[in-house]
């Protein structure tokens, strides 16, 4: 039997037993060690706000359709930040270049479950880099999300960049922006996260609750405004303040997962008058101009390489390692006391 974390309804979590599946051709079996909880996308399913719960995504037309839900409760095995040990490889895969072997530590996506049956093509090149702690593998996907926002931002050396939202992905984005040569202003509404931002490379931190973020950013840039902003909190008021904070013709990278109607976002104000460019960054793909050289796979692998080289600290982002039996408590923590947590990881 395996154990799977599932949402049985809004804010209802259980760890349920499931029969272990047989290994089918073209697949690997992986025993999970750690699985990171997403405090953004995943909490939308936990809270009941995810658009798939009320509408269906039409992959052919690439439109959401009303009238039927794409997913329904119980929502089983969500999660996209797993690391584990290969315990079985389908025999016909032996000798495939880049294929993990039994005993290798690998990272990937198979959800919050004690073991995963994973298509082999998704695991080629997913062996954990030498010397990297297993827990670091749980950051491949979240690191790639931040990295994708950096590529979308097109940062030039010496530019002023504001990063709105200093959760796990925002802190990584702050560090990557600094590594890219930017002077970073980090914005958040939690003092503990602003303190963390300073350790991750922020030159300046601003409290989102002050109501004067855009003014302070303009004052610090001789009235010009930031060259660009990355909004990664998923809050519409933050996206609006990011628009207010950039220079005429500036760019805003919208990398958060925004829910419902855009309350707080007024596109007739600074967006219109300052001719601001808003660019979406979403981990389903890389910026179109870079698609010949970059891929989501390269984002993940390169991010883990930066971690292995010591350029990005992910261990400092882990606030809680929770036994999977206590998964329900982990979601309550992230939902109700976000100031007390950064990356929460389930341990199997």
Protein backbone atom coordinates (compact mmCIF):
# COMPACT_ATOMS: atom_id res chain seq x y z
CA UNK A 1 0.00 0.00 0.00
CA UNK A 2 1.09 3.56 -0.64
CA UNK A 3 0.05 6.76 1.13
CA UNK A 4 -1.42 9.65 -0.82
CA UNK A 5 -2.32 13.16 0.36
CA UNK A 6 -5.71 14.25 -0.94
CA UNK A 7 -8.17 17.11 -0.53
CA UNK A 8 -11.65 15.76 0.14
CA UNK A 9 -13.20 19.25 0.08
CA UNK A 10 -12.20 22.86 0.68
CA UNK A 11 -9.73 22.92 3.61
CA UNK A 12 -10.18 19.18 4.18
CA UNK A 13 -7.06 17.01 3.99
CA UNK A 14 -6.50 13.32 4.55
CA UNK A 15 -3.66 10.87 4.02
CA UNK A 16 -5.29 7.88 2.39
CA UNK A 17 -3.99 4.37 1.60
CA UNK A 18 -3.93 3.40 -2.06
CA UNK A 19 -2.99 0.10 -3.66
CA UNK A 20 0.49 0.16 -5.14
CA UNK A 21 0.34 -0.06 -8.92
CA UNK A 22 2.34 -2.53 -10.98
CA UNK A 23 5.23 -1.17 -13.00
CA UNK A 24 4.24 -0.75 -16.64
CA UNK A 25 6.69 -0.66 -19.59
CA UNK A 26 8.44 2.65 -20.08
CA UNK A 27 8.19 3.66 -16.41
CA UNK A 28 10.23 3.93 -13.21
CA UNK A 29 9.13 3.36 -9.63
CA UNK A 30 10.36 6.00 -7.20
CA UNK A 31 10.07 5.91 -3.40
CA UNK A 32 9.45 9.45 -2.17
CA UNK A 33 11.71 11.03 0.42
CA UNK A 34 10.48 14.63 0.34
CA UNK A 35 7.66 16.54 -1.34
CA UNK A 36 7.40 20.31 -1.14
CA UNK A 37 4.02 22.00 -0.70
CA UNK A 38 3.25 24.86 -3.07
CA UNK A 39 1.91 27.80 -1.08
CA UNK A 40 0.46 29.30 -4.28
CA UNK A 41 -1.05 26.97 -6.87
CA UNK A 42 -1.62 24.11 -4.46
CA UNK A 43 -3.40 26.21 -1.87
CA UNK A 44 -5.93 27.26 -4.54
CA UNK A 45 -7.14 23.65 -4.65
CA UNK A 46 -7.01 23.40 -0.85
CA UNK A 47 -9.06 26.59 -0.48
CA UNK A 48 -11.44 25.80 -3.33
CA UNK A 49 -10.53 28.80 -5.53
CA UNK A 50 -8.72 27.00 -8.36
CA UNK A 51 -10.42 27.70 -11.73
CA UNK A 52 -10.34 24.01 -12.64
CA UNK A 53 -12.86 23.37 -9.83
CA UNK A 54 -15.55 25.37 -11.64
CA UNK A 55 -14.48 25.38 -15.31
CA UNK A 56 -12.84 23.08 -17.84
CA UNK A 57 -9.62 23.89 -19.68
CA UNK A 58 -10.01 23.15 -23.40
CA UNK A 59 -6.47 22.25 -24.42
CA UNK A 60 -7.24 22.42 -28.14
CA UNK A 61 -8.71 25.93 -28.13
CA UNK A 62 -6.67 26.97 -25.07
CA UNK A 63 -9.75 28.48 -23.46
CA UNK A 64 -11.57 27.81 -20.19
CA UNK A 65 -15.14 26.62 -20.73
CA UNK A 66 -18.00 27.20 -18.30
CA UNK A 67 -20.53 24.55 -17.43
CA UNK A 68 -18.38 21.73 -16.05
CA UNK A 69 -15.48 21.35 -13.64
CA UNK A 70 -12.14 20.09 -14.89
CA UNK A 71 -11.33 18.57 -11.49
CA UNK A 72 -13.50 17.65 -8.53
CA UNK A 73 -13.00 16.54 -4.96
CA UNK A 74 -11.31 14.42 -3.86
CA UNK A 75 -8.26 16.07 -5.43
CA UNK A 76 -5.65 13.34 -5.16
CA UNK A 77 -1.89 13.57 -5.06
CA UNK A 78 -1.31 17.22 -5.93
CA UNK A 79 2.24 18.44 -5.60
CA UNK A 80 5.01 19.19 -8.08
CA UNK A 81 8.22 19.25 -6.04
CA UNK A 82 9.23 15.68 -5.29
CA UNK A 83 12.55 13.93 -4.68
CA UNK A 84 13.03 10.24 -4.08
CA UNK A 85 14.97 7.06 -4.70
CA UNK A 86 14.52 4.88 -7.77
CA UNK A 87 13.50 1.40 -6.63
CA UNK A 88 12.53 -0.24 -9.92
CA UNK A 89 13.20 0.36 -13.62
CA UNK A 90 11.23 -1.28 -16.42
CA UNK A 91 13.63 -3.87 -17.91
CA UNK A 92 13.52 -2.61 -21.50
CA UNK A 93 14.93 0.74 -20.37
CA UNK A 94 18.30 -0.67 -19.33
CA UNK A 95 21.14 1.16 -21.06
CA UNK A 96 19.07 4.19 -22.11
CA UNK A 97 21.39 7.25 -22.02
CA UNK A 98 20.64 9.50 -19.07
CA UNK A 99 18.24 7.00 -17.51
CA UNK A 100 18.42 6.85 -13.68
CA UNK A 101 19.31 3.47 -12.18
CA UNK A 102 17.97 1.68 -9.12
CA UNK A 103 19.32 3.46 -6.05
CA UNK A 104 19.71 6.85 -7.72
CA UNK A 105 18.19 9.92 -6.10
CA UNK A 106 15.96 11.74 -8.57
CA UNK A 107 13.75 14.83 -8.66
CA UNK A 108 10.52 15.33 -10.56
CA UNK A 109 6.77 15.55 -10.36
CA UNK A 110 4.64 12.66 -9.11
CA UNK A 111 2.63 14.32 -6.36
CA UNK A 112 2.34 13.95 -2.60
CA UNK A 113 2.47 10.16 -2.50
CA UNK A 114 4.84 7.68 -0.93
CA UNK A 115 5.81 6.28 -4.30
CA UNK A 116 5.43 7.32 -7.90
CA UNK A 117 5.18 5.40 -11.16
CA UNK A 118 6.77 7.92 -13.50
CA UNK A 119 7.16 7.86 -17.32
CA UNK A 120 10.82 7.28 -18.10
CA UNK A 121 11.10 10.14 -20.60
CA UNK A 122 10.25 12.57 -17.79
CA UNK A 123 13.15 11.31 -15.67
CA UNK A 124 16.04 11.40 -18.11
CA UNK A 125 18.57 13.86 -16.73
CA UNK A 126 16.77 14.04 -13.38
CA UNK A 127 19.44 12.38 -11.24
CA UNK A 128 20.34 14.69 -8.37
CA UNK A 129 23.67 16.49 -8.95
CA UNK A 130 26.59 15.05 -6.99
CA UNK A 131 27.01 16.56 -3.55
CA UNK A 132 23.52 18.04 -3.42
CA UNK A 133 21.43 17.29 -0.34
CA UNK A 134 18.29 15.29 -1.22
CA UNK A 135 16.00 18.01 0.15
CA UNK A 136 17.37 20.45 -2.45
CA UNK A 137 15.80 18.37 -5.21
CA UNK A 138 12.38 19.50 -4.03
CA UNK A 139 13.22 23.01 -5.28
CA UNK A 140 13.74 22.17 -8.97
CA UNK A 141 10.26 23.26 -10.02
CA UNK A 142 9.81 26.30 -7.77
CA UNK A 143 13.30 27.43 -8.73
CA UNK A 144 12.37 27.09 -12.39
CA UNK A 145 9.26 29.24 -11.86
CA UNK A 146 11.42 32.05 -10.44
CA UNK A 147 14.05 31.52 -13.14
CA UNK A 148 11.39 31.77 -15.86
CA UNK A 149 10.28 35.13 -14.46
CA UNK A 150 13.89 36.34 -14.62
CA UNK A 151 14.16 35.32 -18.28
CA UNK A 152 10.86 37.09 -19.01
CA UNK A 153 12.13 40.21 -17.27
CA UNK A 154 15.16 40.56 -19.60
CA UNK A 155 17.27 42.21 -16.91
CA UNK A 156 20.23 44.31 -17.98
CA UNK A 157 23.27 44.90 -15.79
CA UNK A 158 22.72 47.76 -13.34
CA UNK A 159 18.95 48.04 -13.75
CA UNK A 160 16.54 48.69 -10.90
CA UNK A 161 14.19 45.77 -10.36
CA UNK A 162 11.31 45.52 -7.89
CA UNK A 163 10.17 42.06 -6.81
CA UNK A 164 6.69 42.00 -5.30
CA UNK A 165 6.11 39.03 -3.00
CA UNK A 166 8.85 37.46 -0.90
CA UNK A 167 7.58 33.97 -0.34
CA UNK A 168 9.77 31.09 -1.45
CA UNK A 169 9.57 31.83 -5.18
CA UNK A 170 9.89 35.57 -4.62
CA UNK A 171 13.01 35.14 -2.52
CA UNK A 172 14.55 32.95 -5.20
CA UNK A 173 13.62 35.55 -7.82
CA UNK A 174 15.27 38.24 -5.69
CA UNK A 175 18.48 36.24 -5.54
CA UNK A 176 18.43 35.41 -9.27
CA UNK A 177 17.77 39.06 -10.16
CA UNK A 178 20.77 40.07 -8.06
CA UNK A 179 22.90 37.42 -9.77
CA UNK A 180 21.73 38.88 -13.11
CA UNK A 181 23.19 42.28 -12.18
CA UNK A 182 20.10 44.08 -10.89
CA UNK A 183 19.72 46.34 -7.88
CA UNK A 184 16.68 44.75 -6.25
CA UNK A 185 13.92 46.30 -4.18
CA UNK A 186 11.94 43.60 -2.40
CA UNK A 187 8.31 44.28 -1.45
CA UNK A 188 6.14 42.26 0.93
CA UNK A 189 3.62 42.75 3.71
CA UNK A 190 5.41 40.50 6.23
CA UNK A 191 8.39 41.75 8.22
CA UNK A 192 9.91 38.27 8.48
CA UNK A 193 9.94 37.92 4.71
CA UNK A 194 11.45 41.35 4.21
CA UNK A 195 14.24 40.36 6.58
CA UNK A 196 14.79 37.18 4.56
CA UNK A 197 14.87 39.22 1.34
CA UNK A 198 17.86 41.16 2.62
CA UNK A 199 19.79 37.92 3.05
CA UNK A 200 18.79 36.83 -0.47
CA UNK A 201 20.23 39.90 -2.14
CA UNK A 202 17.72 42.73 -1.85
CA UNK A 203 19.35 46.16 -1.85
CA UNK A 204 16.22 47.75 -0.35
CA UNK A 205 13.05 46.39 1.24
CA UNK A 206 9.65 48.07 1.34
CA UNK A 207 6.57 47.24 3.35
CA UNK A 208 3.60 46.72 1.02
CA UNK A 209 1.29 47.95 3.80
CA UNK A 210 2.82 51.43 3.75
CA UNK A 211 0.80 52.57 0.74
CA UNK A 212 3.79 54.46 -0.67
CA UNK A 213 5.79 51.72 -2.40
CA UNK A 214 5.63 53.32 -5.86
CA UNK A 215 6.59 56.72 -4.40
CA UNK A 216 9.61 55.29 -2.58
CA UNK A 217 10.80 53.41 -5.66
CA UNK A 218 10.55 56.57 -7.77
CA UNK A 219 12.38 58.59 -5.12
CA UNK A 220 15.21 56.06 -5.15
CA UNK A 221 15.51 56.21 -8.94
CA UNK A 222 15.60 60.00 -9.47
CA UNK A 223 11.88 60.03 -10.18
CA UNK A 224 12.16 57.55 -13.02
CA UNK A 225 10.71 54.41 -11.47
CA UNK A 226 12.02 50.87 -11.63
CA UNK A 227 13.17 49.60 -15.00
CA UNK A 228 11.01 46.56 -14.44
CA UNK A 229 9.06 44.72 -11.77
CA UNK A 230 8.32 41.07 -11.10
CA UNK A 231 5.02 40.38 -9.36
CA UNK A 232 4.99 36.92 -7.86
CA UNK A 233 2.51 37.08 -4.98
CA UNK A 234 -0.62 36.51 -7.07
CA UNK A 235 -2.43 39.47 -5.47
CA UNK A 236 -4.12 41.97 -7.81
CA UNK A 237 -3.33 45.00 -5.61
CA UNK A 238 0.34 43.98 -5.74
CA UNK A 239 0.18 43.73 -9.52
CA UNK A 240 -1.35 47.20 -9.62
CA UNK A 241 1.40 48.62 -7.39
CA UNK A 242 4.02 46.94 -9.57
CA UNK A 243 2.53 48.76 -12.57
CA UNK A 244 2.65 52.04 -10.63
CA UNK A 245 6.29 51.45 -9.69
CA UNK A 246 7.88 51.11 -13.11
CA UNK A 247 9.16 53.81 -15.44
CA UNK A 248 7.41 55.02 -18.58
CA UNK A 249 7.53 52.09 -20.99
CA UNK A 250 8.63 49.80 -18.14
CA UNK A 251 7.93 46.12 -17.97
CA UNK A 252 5.98 44.16 -15.35
CA UNK A 253 6.33 40.38 -15.29
CA UNK A 254 3.13 38.86 -13.89
CA UNK A 255 4.25 35.53 -12.47
CA UNK A 256 1.66 34.97 -9.73
CA UNK A 257 -1.40 32.70 -10.01
CA UNK A 258 -4.20 35.26 -9.82
CA UNK A 259 -7.62 34.12 -8.62
CA UNK A 260 -11.07 35.45 -9.57
CA UNK A 261 -11.80 38.92 -10.88
CA UNK A 262 -9.05 41.55 -10.92
CA UNK A 263 -10.20 43.57 -7.92
CA UNK A 264 -7.65 46.27 -7.19
CA UNK A 265 -6.16 46.35 -10.69
CA UNK A 266 -7.05 49.58 -12.53
CA UNK A 267 -5.79 49.50 -16.09
CA UNK A 268 -6.99 53.01 -16.85
CA UNK A 269 -4.49 54.54 -14.47
CA UNK A 270 -0.69 54.24 -14.64
CA UNK A 271 -0.78 51.23 -16.97
CA UNK A 272 -2.52 53.32 -19.63
CA UNK A 273 -0.77 56.64 -19.10
CA UNK A 274 2.76 55.26 -18.72
CA UNK A 275 2.39 52.70 -21.51
CA UNK A 276 3.49 49.87 -19.24
CA UNK A 277 4.11 46.44 -20.69
CA UNK A 278 2.69 43.49 -18.72
CA UNK A 279 4.19 40.10 -19.59
CA UNK A 280 2.92 36.76 -18.31
CA UNK A 281 5.44 34.24 -17.01
CA UNK A 282 4.00 30.76 -16.49
CA UNK A 283 5.94 27.52 -16.10
CA UNK A 284 4.12 25.82 -18.97
CA UNK A 285 6.73 27.34 -21.29
CA UNK A 286 9.67 29.72 -21.59
CA UNK A 287 9.57 33.19 -23.18
CA UNK A 288 8.92 32.71 -26.91
CA UNK A 289 12.10 34.47 -28.13
CA UNK A 290 14.19 32.04 -26.05
CA UNK A 291 12.37 28.83 -26.95
CA UNK A 292 15.10 27.76 -29.39
CA UNK A 293 17.67 27.68 -26.60
CA UNK A 294 15.75 27.34 -23.36
CA UNK A 295 13.14 24.87 -22.14
CA UNK A 296 11.42 24.17 -18.83
CA UNK A 297 13.74 21.20 -18.47
CA UNK A 298 16.80 23.42 -18.86
CA UNK A 299 15.39 25.89 -16.33
CA UNK A 300 15.09 23.14 -13.72
CA UNK A 301 18.47 21.59 -14.41
CA UNK A 302 20.27 24.93 -14.47
CA UNK A 303 18.65 26.04 -11.23
CA UNK A 304 19.79 22.88 -9.44
CA UNK A 305 23.26 23.44 -10.83
CA UNK A 306 23.28 26.95 -9.33
CA UNK A 307 22.25 25.43 -6.00
CA UNK A 308 24.98 22.78 -6.24
CA UNK A 309 27.54 25.52 -7.01
CA UNK A 310 26.49 27.43 -3.90
CA UNK A 311 25.07 30.43 -5.76
CA UNK A 312 21.53 29.96 -4.41
CA UNK A 313 20.75 28.77 -0.89
CA UNK A 314 17.59 26.66 -0.77
CA UNK A 315 18.22 25.11 2.65
CA UNK A 316 17.58 28.52 4.20
CA UNK A 317 14.10 28.56 2.67
CA UNK A 318 12.91 25.41 4.46
CA UNK A 319 11.00 26.41 7.56
CA UNK A 320 9.25 23.11 8.33
CA UNK A 321 9.82 19.44 7.50
CA UNK A 322 6.57 17.70 8.42
CA UNK A 323 5.89 13.93 8.59
CA UNK A 324 3.34 13.10 5.92
CA UNK A 325 0.95 11.80 8.59
CA UNK A 326 0.63 15.42 9.76
CA UNK A 327 -0.05 16.84 6.29
CA UNK A 328 -3.35 18.43 7.36
CA UNK A 329 -1.50 20.51 9.97
CA UNK A 330 0.97 21.66 7.32
CA UNK A 331 -1.81 23.08 5.15
CA UNK A 332 -3.43 24.83 8.11
CA UNK A 333 -0.07 26.44 8.86
CA UNK A 334 0.36 27.75 5.31
CA UNK A 335 -3.25 28.86 5.02
CA UNK A 336 -3.75 30.53 8.40
CA UNK A 337 -0.25 31.51 9.58
CA UNK A 338 1.79 32.30 6.46
CA UNK A 339 4.12 34.58 8.39
CA UNK A 340 5.29 31.54 10.37
CA UNK A 341 6.32 29.49 7.35
CA UNK A 342 8.31 29.58 4.13
CA UNK A 343 8.86 26.27 2.37
CA UNK A 344 6.98 23.45 4.08
CA UNK A 345 8.15 20.00 3.03
CA UNK A 346 6.40 16.69 3.61
CA UNK A 347 8.71 13.85 4.63
CA UNK A 348 7.80 10.30 3.70
